[in-house]
Each structure stands twice: as structure tokens, then as C-alpha cells.
């Protein structure tokens, strides 16, 4: 049963070559696998004193019972995995919150504007330098703050990294800025 992952019904254990006695000398026995993701994780063993004691309906019910047991075990494993993933997400959220707080503290001590952009080129965080001109820019596309020439410069810098000189549009004002793309 462990090798085949299939139910085995010994209708008469006295004449069954696969039967290994555990003290029983006559009767019948069913061994049914409990499967989780196709792997045998347990075996239900049912013995009876009489030969051919289990009807096809009883055999089918035993198979169903083992399938249900395997499903319940699988659900338990999935729930434990979900809890572990949720704990990891909470840990990452806490780390992101702490990193943002450290960024705010550090950026607040600088006279220079510091921007953090996400992978979609949106402003994730901005320091309060320049009178907080970009403080409310979180979530906006960085490109909307660039003139046409700076947009091209920014795109080239994004591809290869390095120092950049850009012109930022802040309302009706334009401000020259330098920075580094990493």
C-alpha cells in the first residue's frame, strides 16, 4: 500500500501471499492509504474475524474516509503555510515602516531633497527639503515633475545608473537638481 498508494483488500488472510500476520490467524483485512498531495502519509488498517467480511460498499466508504482524512490533513498543512506567509508579510511591513521612519529622520536632517522611487518610477517617499515642495508627491509618477530634456536624461540614467542633472517642475517654478541613480 505504501508503494502503490492503492487500497489492498485481503479477502482471506490465510491464503493471501502478501498478508503478514500480526497475531491474526483467520479472516480478512483492508489496508487503505491516506494521501496528502499524492504521497502516502498514513495507512488505515481494518481487520475482521470472518473471510470476505467487507462488502464493496464498505470498501468504498473506507476509501472515502481515507480521502477525507487526507484532505483534512492537506488543509491543515495549507493553513500552517498561510500563517507562515502572513507572518512574513507582517515582518516585511514592519521592516518597511521602520525603514521609512529611519529615512524620514535622516532626510529631515539634510538640506538636499531626497526622493525614493518605486520600481514603477513613482515617488515612494520625499524628504521635507525645499520647503516640503514634494512632500505630498507620494504615489505620483516622477516623470510629471521633469521637463522634456530631463525626462530623456532620466531614462538614460535609469538604464545605466550614475549621476544626473535634471530640471524639476514644481508648479510654475523650475528647479535644477543633481542626483545619482543606483
Protein backbone atom coordinates (compact mmCIF):
# COMPACT_ATOMS: atom_id res chain seq x y z
CA UNK A 1 0.00 0.00 0.00
CA UNK A 2 2.89 2.34 0.76
CA UNK A 3 4.49 1.63 -2.64
CA UNK A 4 1.31 1.61 -4.74
CA UNK A 5 -0.78 4.20 -2.85
CA UNK A 6 -3.75 1.91 -3.57
CA UNK A 7 -6.18 0.16 -1.24
CA UNK A 8 -5.47 -3.55 -0.72
CA UNK A 9 -8.18 -5.98 0.34
CA UNK A 10 -7.07 -9.42 1.60
CA UNK A 11 -10.38 -11.31 1.44
CA UNK A 12 -8.88 -14.41 3.08
CA UNK A 13 -5.69 -13.73 5.02
CA UNK A 14 -4.91 -17.46 5.32
CA UNK A 15 -4.44 -17.77 1.55
CA UNK A 16 -3.08 -14.27 0.79
CA UNK A 17 0.67 -14.31 0.00
CA UNK A 18 1.02 -10.60 0.90
CA UNK A 19 -0.52 -10.94 4.36
CA UNK A 20 1.88 -10.72 7.28
CA UNK A 21 0.30 -11.92 10.50
CA UNK A 22 0.31 -9.68 13.49
CA UNK A 23 -1.34 -12.38 15.58
CA UNK A 24 -4.45 -12.81 13.44
CA UNK A 25 -4.90 -16.33 12.09
CA UNK A 26 -8.05 -16.14 10.00
CA UNK A 27 -10.39 -13.58 8.47
CA UNK A 28 -9.93 -10.61 6.15
CA UNK A 29 -8.12 -7.29 6.19
CA UNK A 30 -8.21 -3.97 4.36
CA UNK A 31 -5.25 -1.59 4.17
CA UNK A 32 -6.14 1.82 2.72
CA UNK A 33 -3.73 4.70 2.12
CA UNK A 34 -4.22 8.22 3.45
CA UNK A 35 -2.78 10.56 0.83
CA UNK A 36 -1.62 14.17 1.01
CA UNK A 37 -0.59 15.65 -2.33
CA UNK A 38 -0.27 12.12 -3.74
CA UNK A 39 2.08 10.93 -1.01
CA UNK A 40 1.13 8.20 1.46
CA UNK A 41 1.15 9.79 4.93
CA UNK A 42 -0.77 7.05 6.72
CA UNK A 43 -2.47 3.70 6.31
CA UNK A 44 -5.83 2.70 7.73
CA UNK A 45 -5.76 -1.00 8.64
CA UNK A 46 -9.08 -2.74 9.35
CA UNK A 47 -9.31 -6.44 10.23
CA UNK A 48 -12.27 -8.78 10.56
CA UNK A 49 -12.52 -12.32 12.01
CA UNK A 50 -14.53 -13.64 9.06
CA UNK A 51 -13.32 -14.12 5.49
CA UNK A 52 -14.65 -11.71 2.83
CA UNK A 53 -16.14 -9.58 5.61
CA UNK A 54 -16.16 -6.28 3.70
CA UNK A 55 -18.77 -5.55 1.03
CA UNK A 56 -17.97 -3.31 -1.94
CA UNK A 57 -19.97 -0.52 -0.26
CA UNK A 58 -17.87 -0.79 2.93
CA UNK A 59 -14.66 -0.78 0.87
CA UNK A 60 -15.86 2.35 -0.97
CA UNK A 61 -16.69 4.05 2.34
CA UNK A 62 -13.25 3.22 3.74
CA UNK A 63 -11.64 4.73 0.62
CA UNK A 64 -13.79 7.84 1.01
CA UNK A 65 -12.92 8.12 4.70
CA UNK A 66 -9.19 7.95 3.87
CA UNK A 67 -9.60 10.56 1.11
CA UNK A 68 -11.39 12.89 3.54
CA UNK A 69 -8.68 12.34 6.16
CA UNK A 70 -6.01 13.21 3.58
CA UNK A 71 -7.91 16.33 2.51
CA UNK A 72 -8.23 17.49 6.10
CA UNK A 73 -4.51 16.94 6.67
CA UNK A 74 -3.75 18.85 3.48
CA UNK A 75 -5.96 21.73 4.61
CA UNK A 76 -4.11 21.81 7.92
CA UNK A 77 -0.77 21.99 6.12
CA UNK A 78 -2.09 24.77 3.85
CA UNK A 79 -3.36 26.72 6.87
CA UNK A 80 0.04 26.46 8.56
CA UNK A 81 1.74 27.62 5.37
CA UNK A 82 -0.68 30.54 5.10
CA UNK A 83 0.05 31.54 8.71
CA UNK A 84 3.79 31.45 7.97
CA UNK A 85 3.36 33.64 4.87
CA UNK A 86 1.16 36.07 6.80
CA UNK A 87 3.84 36.31 9.50
CA UNK A 88 6.47 37.03 6.84
CA UNK A 89 4.28 39.73 5.30
CA UNK A 90 3.77 41.33 8.72
CA UNK A 91 7.52 41.22 9.27
CA UNK A 92 8.17 42.88 5.91
CA UNK A 93 5.53 45.53 6.59
CA UNK A 94 7.12 46.27 9.98
CA UNK A 95 10.57 46.46 8.38
CA UNK A 96 9.26 48.81 5.67
CA UNK A 97 7.62 51.04 8.28
CA UNK A 98 10.85 51.14 10.31
CA UNK A 99 12.92 51.88 7.19
CA UNK A 100 10.57 54.68 6.20
CA UNK A 101 10.82 56.18 9.68
CA UNK A 102 14.64 56.00 9.53
CA UNK A 103 14.55 57.59 6.07
CA UNK A 104 12.32 60.40 7.32
CA UNK A 105 14.64 61.02 10.27
CA UNK A 106 17.77 61.06 8.10
CA UNK A 107 16.22 63.02 5.23
CA UNK A 108 14.88 65.59 7.69
CA UNK A 109 18.43 66.47 8.70
CA UNK A 110 19.51 67.21 5.11
CA UNK A 111 19.14 70.45 3.19
CA UNK A 112 19.01 68.46 -0.05
CA UNK A 113 15.89 66.92 -1.48
CA UNK A 114 15.87 63.12 -1.18
CA UNK A 115 13.42 61.05 -3.24
CA UNK A 116 12.79 57.32 -3.13
CA UNK A 117 11.17 55.93 -6.26
CA UNK A 118 9.46 52.57 -6.59
CA UNK A 119 10.02 50.11 -9.43
CA UNK A 120 7.25 51.82 -11.46
CA UNK A 121 9.09 55.17 -11.25
CA UNK A 122 6.57 56.61 -8.79
CA UNK A 123 7.63 58.66 -5.80
CA UNK A 124 7.51 56.39 -2.77
CA UNK A 125 8.84 58.96 -0.31
CA UNK A 126 10.23 62.51 -0.37
CA UNK A 127 12.14 64.44 2.23
CA UNK A 128 10.85 67.77 3.51
CA UNK A 129 13.72 69.76 1.96
CA UNK A 130 12.91 72.59 -0.44
CA UNK A 131 10.15 73.70 1.87
CA UNK A 132 8.37 70.37 1.51
CA UNK A 133 7.69 71.04 -2.19
CA UNK A 134 7.39 67.30 -2.94
CA UNK A 135 6.15 66.12 0.45
CA UNK A 136 2.69 65.33 -0.96
CA UNK A 137 4.05 63.75 -4.14
CA UNK A 138 3.99 60.16 -2.86
CA UNK A 139 2.38 57.87 -5.42
CA UNK A 140 2.78 60.29 -8.33
CA UNK A 141 4.84 59.48 -11.41
CA UNK A 142 8.27 61.09 -11.10
CA UNK A 143 8.20 61.94 -14.81
CA UNK A 144 5.45 64.56 -14.31
CA UNK A 145 7.98 66.69 -12.43
CA UNK A 146 10.54 66.61 -15.29
CA UNK A 147 10.84 68.75 -18.40
CA UNK A 148 11.33 67.00 -21.75
CA UNK A 149 15.15 67.07 -21.73
CA UNK A 150 15.27 65.84 -18.12
CA UNK A 151 12.89 63.00 -18.97
CA UNK A 152 15.31 61.73 -21.62
CA UNK A 153 18.26 62.15 -19.22
CA UNK A 154 16.36 60.28 -16.52
CA UNK A 155 15.50 57.41 -18.87
CA UNK A 156 19.16 57.05 -19.93
CA UNK A 157 20.32 57.17 -16.30
CA UNK A 158 17.75 54.55 -15.33
CA UNK A 159 19.19 52.18 -17.90
CA UNK A 160 22.83 52.57 -16.86
CA UNK A 161 22.85 54.33 -13.48
CA UNK A 162 25.15 57.15 -12.43
CA UNK A 163 24.96 60.88 -11.79
CA UNK A 164 22.23 63.00 -13.36
CA UNK A 165 21.38 66.67 -13.68
CA UNK A 166 17.67 67.33 -14.04
CA UNK A 167 15.24 70.20 -14.05
CA UNK A 168 12.27 69.61 -11.77
CA UNK A 169 8.99 71.43 -12.38
CA UNK A 170 7.38 72.45 -9.11
CA UNK A 171 4.18 74.23 -10.03
CA UNK A 172 5.23 77.31 -12.03
CA UNK A 173 8.85 77.08 -10.83
CA UNK A 174 11.66 75.03 -12.31
CA UNK A 175 14.48 73.89 -10.04
CA UNK A 176 17.84 72.47 -11.11
CA UNK A 177 18.67 69.22 -9.33
CA UNK A 178 21.51 66.75 -9.37
CA UNK A 179 21.41 63.22 -8.14
CA UNK A 180 22.57 59.64 -8.51
CA UNK A 181 20.67 56.70 -9.95
CA UNK A 182 21.56 53.36 -8.41
